[in-house]
Amino acid sequence: MLFGQAVPRVMGEPSAGFGTLIAAPPSMTDEKYVSLLLWTICLLMFACGVVALTLTQHPDWFGA
């Protein structure tokens, strides 16, 4: 490559000087990641509780 030639940029990389990045993928911040983890844990705990309650209240539904 000769001196002074532009280096090709990777597609999706924001330009340094001008323009707007139209379709930037949203970044997962630490706060969003922790929130997603907590939401998933709560959802799984709720589902386990529903299954446990159903098994104890209606064992005949499951052939017990």
PDB file of N, CA and C in Angstrom:
ATOM      1  N   MET A   1       0.850  -1.166   0.000  1.00  0.00           N
ATOM      2  CA  MET A   1       0.000   0.000   0.000  1.00  0.00           C
ATOM      3  C   MET A   1       0.899   1.233   0.000  1.00  0.00           C
ATOM      4  N   LEU A   2       0.568   2.182  -0.818  1.00  0.00           N
ATOM      5  CA  LEU A   2       1.359   3.396  -0.930  1.00  0.00           C
ATOM      6  C   LEU A   2       1.018   4.367   0.185  1.00  0.00           C
ATOM      7  N   PHE A   3       1.979   5.199   0.493  1.00  0.00           N
ATOM      8  CA  PHE A   3       1.769   6.212   1.519  1.00  0.00           C
ATOM      9  C   PHE A   3       0.678   7.176   1.079  1.00  0.00           C
ATOM     10  N   GLY A   4      -0.271   7.448   1.948  1.00  0.00           N
ATOM     11  CA  GLY A   4      -1.330   8.391   1.631  1.00  0.00           C
ATOM     12  C   GLY A   4      -2.607   7.745   1.152  1.00  0.00           C
ATOM     13  N   GLN A   5      -2.588   6.438   0.881  1.00  0.00           N
ATOM     14  CA  GLN A   5      -3.818   5.777   0.455  1.00  0.00           C
ATOM     15  C   GLN A   5      -4.704   5.520   1.667  1.00  0.00           C
ATOM     16  N   ALA A   6      -5.993   5.541   1.427  1.00  0.00           N
ATOM     17  CA  ALA A   6      -6.940   5.285   2.501  1.00  0.00           C
ATOM     18  C   ALA A   6      -6.967   3.794   2.819  1.00  0.00           C
ATOM     19  N   VAL A   7      -7.053   3.499   4.083  1.00  0.00           N
ATOM     20  CA  VAL A   7      -7.163   2.110   4.520  1.00  0.00           C
ATOM     21  C   VAL A   7      -8.633   1.734   4.474  1.00  0.00           C
ATOM     22  N   PRO A   8      -8.993   0.611   3.845  1.00  0.00           N
ATOM     23  CA  PRO A   8     -10.407   0.227   3.809  1.00  0.00           C
ATOM     24  C   PRO A   8     -10.934  -0.027   5.223  1.00  0.00           C
ATOM     25  N   ARG A   9     -12.125   0.458   5.474  1.00  0.00           N
ATOM     26  CA  ARG A   9     -12.738   0.315   6.796  1.00  0.00           C
ATOM     27  C   ARG A   9     -13.635  -0.911   6.822  1.00  0.00           C
ATOM     28  N   VAL A  10     -13.808  -1.449   8.003  1.00  0.00           N
ATOM     29  CA  VAL A  10     -14.691  -2.589   8.198  1.00  0.00           C
ATOM     30  C   VAL A  10     -16.124  -2.098   8.133  1.00  0.00           C
ATOM     31  N   MET A  11     -16.985  -2.859   7.461  1.00  0.00           N
ATOM     32  CA  MET A  11     -18.378  -2.461   7.335  1.00  0.00           C
ATOM     33  C   MET A  11     -19.031  -2.438   8.709  1.00  0.00           C
ATOM     34  N   GLY A  12     -19.769  -1.394   9.005  1.00  0.00           N
ATOM     35  CA  GLY A  12     -20.436  -1.265  10.283  1.00  0.00           C
ATOM     36  C   GLY A  12     -19.632  -0.457  11.290  1.00  0.00           C
ATOM     37  N   GLU A  13     -18.386  -0.173  10.980  1.00  0.00           N
ATOM     38  CA  GLU A  13     -17.558   0.631  11.878  1.00  0.00           C
ATOM     39  C   GLU A  13     -17.929   2.092  11.671  1.00  0.00           C
ATOM     40  N   PRO A  14     -18.146   2.838  12.748  1.00  0.00           N
ATOM     41  CA  PRO A  14     -18.542   4.233  12.572  1.00  0.00           C
ATOM     42  C   PRO A  14     -17.441   5.056  11.923  1.00  0.00           C
ATOM     43  N   SER A  15     -17.845   5.992  11.088  1.00  0.00           N
ATOM     44  CA  SER A  15     -16.858   6.847  10.424  1.00  0.00           C
ATOM     45  C   SER A  15     -16.320   7.853  11.426  1.00  0.00           C
ATOM     46  N   ALA A  16     -15.077   8.237  11.239  1.00  0.00           N
ATOM     47  CA  ALA A  16     -14.421   9.116  12.193  1.00  0.00           C
ATOM     48  C   ALA A  16     -14.813  10.576  11.996  1.00  0.00           C
ATOM     49  N   GLY A  17     -15.126  10.976  10.755  1.00  0.00           N
ATOM     50  CA  GLY A  17     -15.298  12.390  10.507  1.00  0.00           C
ATOM     51  C   GLY A  17     -16.718  12.859  10.318  1.00  0.00           C
ATOM     52  N   PHE A  18     -17.518  12.154   9.592  1.00  0.00           N
ATOM     53  CA  PHE A  18     -18.836  12.667   9.231  1.00  0.00           C
ATOM     54  C   PHE A  18     -19.817  11.512   9.041  1.00  0.00           C
ATOM     55  N   GLY A  19     -21.062  11.865   8.861  1.00  0.00           N
ATOM     56  CA  GLY A  19     -22.094  10.861   8.610  1.00  0.00           C
ATOM     57  C   GLY A  19     -22.679  10.333   9.903  1.00  0.00           C
ATOM     58  N   THR A  20     -23.732   9.578   9.746  1.00  0.00           N
ATOM     59  CA  THR A  20     -24.415   8.995  10.882  1.00  0.00           C
ATOM     60  C   THR A  20     -24.456   7.493  10.704  1.00  0.00           C
ATOM     61  N   LEU A  21     -24.208   6.777  11.761  1.00  0.00           N
ATOM     62  CA  LEU A  21     -24.294   5.327  11.722  1.00  0.00           C
ATOM     63  C   LEU A  21     -25.776   4.956  11.817  1.00  0.00           C
ATOM     64  N   ILE A  22     -26.331   4.421  10.741  1.00  0.00           N
ATOM     65  CA  ILE A  22     -27.764   4.198  10.656  1.00  0.00           C
ATOM     66  C   ILE A  22     -28.196   2.958  11.433  1.00  0.00           C
ATOM     67  N   ALA A  23     -27.564   1.831  11.185  1.00  0.00           N
ATOM     68  CA  ALA A  23     -28.030   0.567  11.747  1.00  0.00           C
ATOM     69  C   ALA A  23     -26.986  -0.024  12.693  1.00  0.00           C
ATOM     70  N   ALA A  24     -26.687   0.687  13.741  1.00  0.00           N
ATOM     71  CA  ALA A  24     -25.713   0.177  14.708  1.00  0.00           C
ATOM     72  C   ALA A  24     -26.392  -0.865  15.601  1.00  0.00           C
ATOM     73  N   PRO A  25     -25.756  -1.996  15.800  1.00  0.00           N
ATOM     74  CA  PRO A  25     -26.359  -2.984  16.693  1.00  0.00           C
ATOM     75  C   PRO A  25     -26.364  -2.460  18.127  1.00  0.00           C
ATOM     76  N   PRO A  26     -27.455  -2.665  18.851  1.00  0.00           N
ATOM     77  CA  PRO A  26     -27.496  -2.164  20.228  1.00  0.00           C
ATOM     78  C   PRO A  26     -26.488  -2.915  21.089  1.00  0.00           C
ATOM     79  N   SER A  27     -25.826  -2.188  21.947  1.00  0.00           N
ATOM     80  CA  SER A  27     -24.814  -2.825  22.786  1.00  0.00           C
ATOM     81  C   SER A  27     -25.439  -3.276  24.102  1.00  0.00           C
ATOM     82  N   MET A  28     -24.934  -4.378  24.622  1.00  0.00           N
ATOM     83  CA  MET A  28     -25.424  -4.919  25.882  1.00  0.00           C
ATOM     84  C   MET A  28     -24.562  -4.343  27.001  1.00  0.00           C
ATOM     85  N   THR A  29     -25.123  -3.385  27.730  1.00  0.00           N
ATOM     86  CA  THR A  29     -24.392  -2.797  28.839  1.00  0.00           C
ATOM     87  C   THR A  29     -24.465  -3.727  30.041  1.00  0.00           C
ATOM     88  N   ASP A  30     -23.633  -3.460  31.031  1.00  0.00           N
ATOM     89  CA  ASP A  30     -23.634  -4.280  32.237  1.00  0.00           C
ATOM     90  C   ASP A  30     -24.985  -4.228  32.950  1.00  0.00           C
ATOM     91  N   GLU A  31     -25.601  -3.048  32.970  1.00  0.00           N
ATOM     92  CA  GLU A  31     -26.891  -2.913  33.647  1.00  0.00           C
ATOM     93  C   GLU A  31     -27.969  -3.730  32.941  1.00  0.00           C
ATOM     94  N   LYS A  32     -27.963  -3.697  31.607  1.00  0.00           N
ATOM     95  CA  LYS A  32     -28.953  -4.472  30.857  1.00  0.00           C
ATOM     96  C   LYS A  32     -28.721  -5.973  31.028  1.00  0.00           C
ATOM     97  N   TYR A  33     -27.451  -6.370  31.088  1.00  0.00           N
ATOM     98  CA  TYR A  33     -27.129  -7.785  31.251  1.00  0.00           C
ATOM     99  C   TYR A  33     -27.575  -8.290  32.621  1.00  0.00           C
ATOM    100  N   VAL A  34     -27.307  -7.538  33.668  1.00  0.00           N
ATOM    101  CA  VAL A  34     -27.729  -7.938  35.015  1.00  0.00           C
ATOM    102  C   VAL A  34     -29.249  -7.967  35.099  1.00  0.00           C
ATOM    103  N   SER A  35     -29.904  -6.987  34.498  1.00  0.00           N
ATOM    104  CA  SER A  35     -31.362  -6.954  34.493  1.00  0.00           C
ATOM    105  C   SER A  35     -31.935  -8.175  33.770  1.00  0.00           C
ATOM    106  N   LEU A  36     -31.342  -8.551  32.653  1.00  0.00           N
ATOM    107  CA  LEU A  36     -31.788  -9.729  31.921  1.00  0.00           C
ATOM    108  C   LEU A  36     -31.583 -10.996  32.739  1.00  0.00           C
ATOM    109  N   LEU A  37     -30.440 -11.107  33.411  1.00  0.00           N
ATOM    110  CA  LEU A  37     -30.182 -12.275  34.255  1.00  0.00           C
ATOM    111  C   LEU A  37     -31.189 -12.378  35.391  1.00  0.00           C
ATOM    112  N   LEU A  38     -31.439 -11.266  36.068  1.00  0.00           N
ATOM    113  CA  LEU A  38     -32.396 -11.279  37.184  1.00  0.00           C
ATOM    114  C   LEU A  38     -33.803 -11.616  36.707  1.00  0.00           C
ATOM    115  N   TRP A  39     -34.192 -11.064  35.565  1.00  0.00           N
ATOM    116  CA  TRP A  39     -35.516 -11.344  35.019  1.00  0.00           C
ATOM    117  C   TRP A  39     -35.643 -12.831  34.675  1.00  0.00           C
ATOM    118  N   THR A  40     -34.596 -13.405  34.084  1.00  0.00           N
ATOM    119  CA  THR A  40     -34.607 -14.821  33.728  1.00  0.00           C
ATOM    120  C   THR A  40     -34.677 -15.701  34.970  1.00  0.00           C
ATOM    121  N   ILE A  41     -33.906 -15.364  36.001  1.00  0.00           N
ATOM    122  CA  ILE A  41     -33.934 -16.138  37.242  1.00  0.00           C
ATOM    123  C   ILE A  41     -35.313 -16.073  37.881  1.00  0.00           C
ATOM    124  N   CYS A  42     -35.907 -14.899  37.924  1.00  0.00           N
ATOM    125  CA  CYS A  42     -37.253 -14.757  38.504  1.00  0.00           C
ATOM    126  C   CYS A  42     -38.286 -15.545  37.703  1.00  0.00           C
ATOM    127  N   LEU A  43     -38.182 -15.511  36.383  1.00  0.00           N
ATOM    128  CA  LEU A  43     -39.115 -16.260  35.545  1.00  0.00           C
ATOM    129  C   LEU A  43     -38.986 -17.763  35.783  1.00  0.00           C
ATOM    130  N   LEU A  44     -37.754 -18.252  35.879  1.00  0.00           N
ATOM    131  CA  LEU A  44     -37.547 -19.681  36.130  1.00  0.00           C
ATOM    132  C   LEU A  44     -38.036 -20.088  37.525  1.00  0.00           C
ATOM    133  N   MET A  45     -37.809 -19.233  38.523  1.00  0.00           N
ATOM    134  CA  MET A  45     -38.299 -19.535  39.879  1.00  0.00           C
ATOM    135  C   MET A  45     -39.829 -19.573  39.904  1.00  0.00           C
ATOM    136  N   PHE A  46     -40.466 -18.646  39.203  1.00  0.00           N
ATOM    137  CA  PHE A  46     -41.924 -18.647  39.133  1.00  0.00           C
ATOM    138  C   PHE A  46     -42.434 -19.923  38.460  1.00  0.00           C
ATOM    139  N   ALA A  47     -41.789 -20.320  37.359  1.00  0.00           N
ATOM    140  CA  ALA A  47     -42.212 -21.532  36.659  1.00  0.00           C
ATOM    141  C   ALA A  47     -42.035 -22.764  37.543  1.00  0.00           C
ATOM    142  N   CYS A  48     -40.932 -22.843  38.275  1.00  0.00           N
ATOM    143  CA  CYS A  48     -40.726 -23.977  39.192  1.00  0.00           C
ATOM    144  C   CYS A  48     -41.771 -23.981  40.292  1.00  0.00           C
ATOM    145  N   GLY A  49     -42.129 -22.815  40.784  1.00  0.00           N
ATOM    146  CA  GLY A  49     -43.164 -22.723  41.818  1.00  0.00           C
ATOM    147  C   GLY A  49     -44.518 -23.179  41.305  1.00  0.00           C
ATOM    148  N   VAL A  50     -44.861 -22.788  40.105  1.00  0.00           N
ATOM    149  CA  VAL A  50     -46.139 -23.212  39.518  1.00  0.00           C
ATOM    150  C   VAL A  50     -46.169 -24.724  39.342  1.00  0.00           C
ATOM    151  N   VAL A  51     -45.086 -25.310  38.860  1.00  0.00           N
ATOM    152  CA  VAL A  51     -45.027 -26.759  38.673  1.00  0.00           C
ATOM    153  C   VAL A  51     -45.118 -27.470  40.016  1.00  0.00           C
ATOM    154  N   ALA A  52     -44.393 -26.987  41.013  1.00  0.00           N
ATOM    155  CA  ALA A  52     -44.435 -27.615  42.341  1.00  0.00           C
ATOM    156  C   ALA A  52     -45.823 -27.508  42.950  1.00  0.00           C
ATOM    157  N   LEU A  53     -46.456 -26.371  42.831  1.00  0.00           N
ATOM    158  CA  LEU A  53     -47.808 -26.195  43.362  1.00  0.00           C
ATOM    159  C   LEU A  53     -48.799 -27.104  42.645  1.00  0.00           C
ATOM    160  N   THR A  54     -48.666 -27.194  41.338  1.00  0.00           N
ATOM    161  CA  THR A  54     -49.565 -28.050  40.562  1.00  0.00           C
ATOM    162  C   THR A  54     -49.373 -29.517  40.937  1.00  0.00           C
ATOM    163  N   LEU A  55     -48.131 -29.944  41.110  1.00  0.00           N
ATOM    164  CA  LEU A  55     -47.875 -31.338  41.482  1.00  0.00           C
ATOM    165  C   LEU A  55     -48.412 -31.674  42.868  1.00  0.00           C
ATOM    166  N   THR A  56     -48.330 -30.733  43.800  1.00  0.00           N
ATOM    167  CA  THR A  56     -48.802 -31.017  45.160  1.00  0.00           C
ATOM    168  C   THR A  56     -50.324 -30.884  45.280  1.00  0.00           C
ATOM    169  N   GLN A  57     -50.930 -29.989  44.516  1.00  0.00           N
ATOM    170  CA  GLN A  57     -52.375 -29.782  44.613  1.00  0.00           C
ATOM    171  C   GLN A  57     -53.182 -30.772  43.763  1.00  0.00           C
ATOM    172  N   HIS A  58     -52.623 -31.221  42.641  1.00  0.00           N
ATOM    173  CA  HIS A  58     -53.349 -32.090  41.720  1.00  0.00           C
ATOM    174  C   HIS A  58     -52.485 -33.256  41.269  1.00  0.00           C
ATOM    175  N   PRO A  59     -52.085 -34.152  42.178  1.00  0.00           N
ATOM    176  CA  PRO A  59     -51.234 -35.261  41.765  1.00  0.00           C
ATOM    177  C   PRO A  59     -51.963 -36.251  40.846  1.00  0.00           C
ATOM    178  N   ASP A  60     -53.288 -36.275  40.914  1.00  0.00           N
ATOM    179  CA  ASP A  60     -54.044 -37.192  40.061  1.00  0.00           C
ATOM    180  C   ASP A  60     -53.941 -36.813  38.575  1.00  0.00           C
ATOM    181  N   TRP A  61     -53.639 -35.562  38.284  1.00  0.00           N
ATOM    182  CA  TRP A  61     -53.457 -35.160  36.894  1.00  0.00           C
ATOM    183  C   TRP A  61     -52.252 -35.828  36.259  1.00  0.00           C
ATOM    184  N   PHE A  62     -51.304 -36.218  37.082  1.00  0.00           N
ATOM    185  CA  PHE A  62     -50.048 -36.774  36.588  1.00  0.00           C
ATOM    186  C   PHE A  62     -49.938 -38.283  36.839  1.00  0.00           C
ATOM    187  N   GLY A  63     -51.042 -38.903  37.212  1.00  0.00           N
ATOM    188  CA  GLY A  63     -51.074 -40.346  37.403  1.00  0.00           C
ATOM    189  C   GLY A  63     -50.451 -40.814  38.699  1.00  0.00           C
ATOM    190  N   ALA A  64     -50.346 -39.956  39.676  1.00  0.00           N
ATOM    191  CA  ALA A  64     -49.752 -40.346  40.956  1.00  0.00           C
ATOM    192  C   ALA A  64     -50.792 -40.895  41.906  1.00  0.00           C
TER     193      ALA A  64
END
